[in-house]
Amino acid sequence: MPKYTLQMNDKLEAILDELAEREGISKAQVIRRSLTLLKLAEDHKEEGFELQLAKAGDDEKPAVVKTVLT
């Protein structure tokens, strides 16, 4: 498996640390998951879709929708 060296600012490093700790996974796994999610969003963007976050309400329809990537 190839290895990479990344440079990031303090804010991104803190986010990476937080996500790894919260999920109980390695920083490398956080980056792999992030790239997978970005790839999914980008592939479907070409089909006219956008990535959104939805908070479920009492019914089955999302109560709050927030577009995060377009």
N, C-alpha and C. Protein backbone atom coordinates (compact mmCIF):
# COMPACT_ATOMS: atom_id res chain seq x y z
N MET A 1 0.86 -1.17 0.00
CA MET A 1 0.00 0.00 0.00
C MET A 1 0.90 1.24 0.00
N PRO A 2 0.64 2.20 -0.90
CA PRO A 2 1.45 3.41 -0.93
C PRO A 2 1.32 4.21 0.37
N LYS A 3 2.37 4.95 0.70
CA LYS A 3 2.35 5.83 1.86
C LYS A 3 2.46 7.27 1.37
N TYR A 4 1.82 8.17 2.10
CA TYR A 4 1.81 9.58 1.74
C TYR A 4 2.19 10.42 2.94
N THR A 5 2.77 11.57 2.67
CA THR A 5 3.08 12.55 3.70
C THR A 5 2.18 13.76 3.45
N LEU A 6 1.46 14.18 4.48
CA LEU A 6 0.55 15.32 4.35
C LEU A 6 0.99 16.44 5.26
N GLN A 7 0.81 17.64 4.79
CA GLN A 7 1.00 18.81 5.63
C GLN A 7 -0.36 19.45 5.83
N MET A 8 -0.70 19.76 7.07
CA MET A 8 -1.98 20.41 7.34
C MET A 8 -1.82 21.42 8.45
N ASN A 9 -2.72 22.38 8.46
CA ASN A 9 -2.66 23.41 9.50
C ASN A 9 -3.19 22.84 10.82
N ASP A 10 -3.06 23.63 11.87
CA ASP A 10 -3.46 23.17 13.21
C ASP A 10 -4.95 22.83 13.28
N LYS A 11 -5.77 23.60 12.59
CA LYS A 11 -7.22 23.35 12.64
C LYS A 11 -7.56 21.99 12.03
N LEU A 12 -6.98 21.70 10.86
CA LEU A 12 -7.25 20.41 10.23
C LEU A 12 -6.69 19.25 11.05
N GLU A 13 -5.55 19.46 11.67
CA GLU A 13 -4.96 18.43 12.53
C GLU A 13 -5.88 18.14 13.72
N ALA A 14 -6.44 19.20 14.30
CA ALA A 14 -7.37 19.02 15.43
C ALA A 14 -8.62 18.27 15.00
N ILE A 15 -9.13 18.57 13.81
CA ILE A 15 -10.30 17.88 13.29
C ILE A 15 -9.97 16.40 13.08
N LEU A 16 -8.83 16.12 12.49
CA LEU A 16 -8.40 14.74 12.27
C LEU A 16 -8.28 13.99 13.58
N ASP A 17 -7.65 14.61 14.57
CA ASP A 17 -7.52 13.99 15.89
C ASP A 17 -8.89 13.71 16.51
N GLU A 18 -9.77 14.69 16.44
CA GLU A 18 -11.10 14.55 17.03
C GLU A 18 -11.89 13.41 16.39
N LEU A 19 -11.88 13.36 15.06
CA LEU A 19 -12.62 12.32 14.36
C LEU A 19 -12.07 10.93 14.66
N ALA A 20 -10.76 10.81 14.68
CA ALA A 20 -10.15 9.51 14.97
C ALA A 20 -10.50 9.05 16.38
N GLU A 21 -10.43 9.96 17.33
CA GLU A 21 -10.74 9.61 18.72
C GLU A 21 -12.22 9.27 18.88
N ARG A 22 -13.07 10.10 18.29
CA ARG A 22 -14.52 9.90 18.42
C ARG A 22 -14.95 8.55 17.84
N GLU A 23 -14.39 8.19 16.70
CA GLU A 23 -14.78 6.95 16.03
C GLU A 23 -13.96 5.74 16.50
N GLY A 24 -12.87 6.00 17.23
CA GLY A 24 -12.02 4.90 17.68
C GLY A 24 -11.27 4.24 16.53
N ILE A 25 -10.85 5.06 15.57
CA ILE A 25 -10.13 4.56 14.40
C ILE A 25 -8.85 5.36 14.22
N SER A 26 -8.00 4.88 13.33
CA SER A 26 -6.74 5.57 13.07
C SER A 26 -6.98 6.83 12.23
N LYS A 27 -6.00 7.72 12.26
CA LYS A 27 -6.08 8.92 11.44
C LYS A 27 -6.09 8.55 9.96
N ALA A 28 -5.33 7.51 9.62
CA ALA A 28 -5.31 7.04 8.23
C ALA A 28 -6.70 6.58 7.80
N GLN A 29 -7.42 5.89 8.69
CA GLN A 29 -8.77 5.44 8.37
C GLN A 29 -9.72 6.62 8.21
N VAL A 30 -9.56 7.66 9.00
CA VAL A 30 -10.38 8.87 8.84
C VAL A 30 -10.16 9.46 7.45
N ILE A 31 -8.93 9.53 7.03
CA ILE A 31 -8.61 10.08 5.71
C ILE A 31 -9.18 9.19 4.61
N ARG A 32 -9.06 7.87 4.76
CA ARG A 32 -9.62 6.96 3.75
C ARG A 32 -11.14 7.12 3.65
N ARG A 33 -11.81 7.21 4.80
CA ARG A 33 -13.26 7.40 4.78
C ARG A 33 -13.64 8.73 4.14
N SER A 34 -12.86 9.76 4.44
CA SER A 34 -13.13 11.09 3.88
C SER A 34 -13.00 11.08 2.37
N LEU A 35 -11.97 10.44 1.86
CA LEU A 35 -11.77 10.37 0.42
C LEU A 35 -12.88 9.56 -0.25
N THR A 36 -13.32 8.49 0.41
CA THR A 36 -14.40 7.68 -0.13
C THR A 36 -15.69 8.49 -0.21
N LEU A 37 -15.99 9.25 0.82
CA LEU A 37 -17.19 10.08 0.83
C LEU A 37 -17.12 11.17 -0.25
N LEU A 38 -15.96 11.80 -0.40
CA LEU A 38 -15.79 12.83 -1.42
C LEU A 38 -15.95 12.23 -2.81
N LYS A 39 -15.40 11.05 -3.04
CA LYS A 39 -15.52 10.37 -4.33
C LYS A 39 -16.98 10.08 -4.64
N LEU A 40 -17.72 9.58 -3.65
CA LEU A 40 -19.14 9.30 -3.82
C LEU A 40 -19.90 10.57 -4.21
N ALA A 41 -19.63 11.65 -3.50
CA ALA A 41 -20.31 12.93 -3.78
C ALA A 41 -19.96 13.43 -5.18
N GLU A 42 -18.70 13.37 -5.53
CA GLU A 42 -18.27 13.87 -6.83
C GLU A 42 -18.83 13.03 -7.97
N ASP A 43 -18.87 11.71 -7.81
CA ASP A 43 -19.42 10.84 -8.86
C ASP A 43 -20.89 11.14 -9.11
N HIS A 44 -21.65 11.37 -8.05
CA HIS A 44 -23.08 11.61 -8.21
C HIS A 44 -23.37 13.06 -8.60
N LYS A 45 -22.45 13.95 -8.33
CA LYS A 45 -22.60 15.36 -8.74
C LYS A 45 -22.76 15.45 -10.25
N GLU A 46 -22.03 14.61 -10.97
CA GLU A 46 -22.11 14.59 -12.43
C GLU A 46 -23.51 14.20 -12.92
N GLU A 47 -24.27 13.51 -12.07
CA GLU A 47 -25.62 13.09 -12.41
C GLU A 47 -26.67 14.08 -11.90
N GLY A 48 -26.21 15.21 -11.35
CA GLY A 48 -27.13 16.24 -10.88
C GLY A 48 -27.50 16.13 -9.40
N PHE A 49 -26.86 15.23 -8.67
CA PHE A 49 -27.14 15.07 -7.25
C PHE A 49 -26.23 15.98 -6.43
N GLU A 50 -26.60 16.24 -5.20
CA GLU A 50 -25.75 16.97 -4.27
C GLU A 50 -25.78 16.26 -2.93
N LEU A 51 -24.74 16.42 -2.16
CA LEU A 51 -24.65 15.79 -0.85
C LEU A 51 -25.36 16.67 0.16
N GLN A 52 -26.24 16.06 0.94
CA GLN A 52 -26.99 16.79 1.96
C GLN A 52 -26.97 16.01 3.26
N LEU A 53 -27.08 16.74 4.35
CA LEU A 53 -27.25 16.13 5.67
C LEU A 53 -28.71 16.30 6.05
N ALA A 54 -29.30 15.25 6.57
CA ALA A 54 -30.70 15.32 6.96
C ALA A 54 -30.86 14.85 8.39
N LYS A 55 -31.66 15.57 9.14
CA LYS A 55 -31.98 15.18 10.51
C LYS A 55 -33.40 14.64 10.49
N ALA A 56 -33.55 13.40 10.93
CA ALA A 56 -34.85 12.76 10.89
C ALA A 56 -35.79 13.39 11.90
N GLY A 57 -37.02 13.58 11.48
CA GLY A 57 -38.06 14.09 12.36
C GLY A 57 -38.90 12.94 12.89
N ASP A 58 -40.08 13.25 13.37
CA ASP A 58 -40.98 12.22 13.88
C ASP A 58 -41.51 11.33 12.76
N ASP A 59 -41.69 11.92 11.58
CA ASP A 59 -42.13 11.11 10.45
C ASP A 59 -40.89 10.63 9.69
N GLU A 60 -41.10 10.02 8.54
CA GLU A 60 -39.97 9.46 7.81
C GLU A 60 -39.26 10.48 6.93
N LYS A 61 -39.82 11.67 6.77
CA LYS A 61 -39.18 12.70 5.96
C LYS A 61 -38.21 13.48 6.82
N PRO A 62 -37.08 13.89 6.26
CA PRO A 62 -36.12 14.68 7.04
C PRO A 62 -36.73 16.01 7.48
N ALA A 63 -36.49 16.39 8.73
CA ALA A 63 -37.00 17.64 9.25
C ALA A 63 -36.11 18.81 8.86
N VAL A 64 -34.82 18.57 8.76
CA VAL A 64 -33.86 19.61 8.41
C VAL A 64 -32.92 19.04 7.36
N VAL A 65 -32.73 19.78 6.29
CA VAL A 65 -31.80 19.36 5.26
C VAL A 65 -30.78 20.46 5.06
N LYS A 66 -29.53 20.09 5.01
CA LYS A 66 -28.46 21.07 4.81
C LYS A 66 -27.57 20.55 3.68
N THR A 67 -27.42 21.35 2.65
CA THR A 67 -26.54 20.98 1.55
C THR A 67 -25.11 21.23 1.98
N VAL A 68 -24.25 20.22 1.79
CA VAL A 68 -22.87 20.37 2.21
C VAL A 68 -21.90 20.37 1.04
N LEU A 69 -22.26 19.75 -0.06
CA LEU A 69 -21.43 19.79 -1.27
C LEU A 69 -22.35 19.94 -2.47
N THR A 70 -22.00 20.84 -3.37
CA THR A 70 -22.77 20.98 -4.61
C THR A 70 -21.85 20.99 -5.78
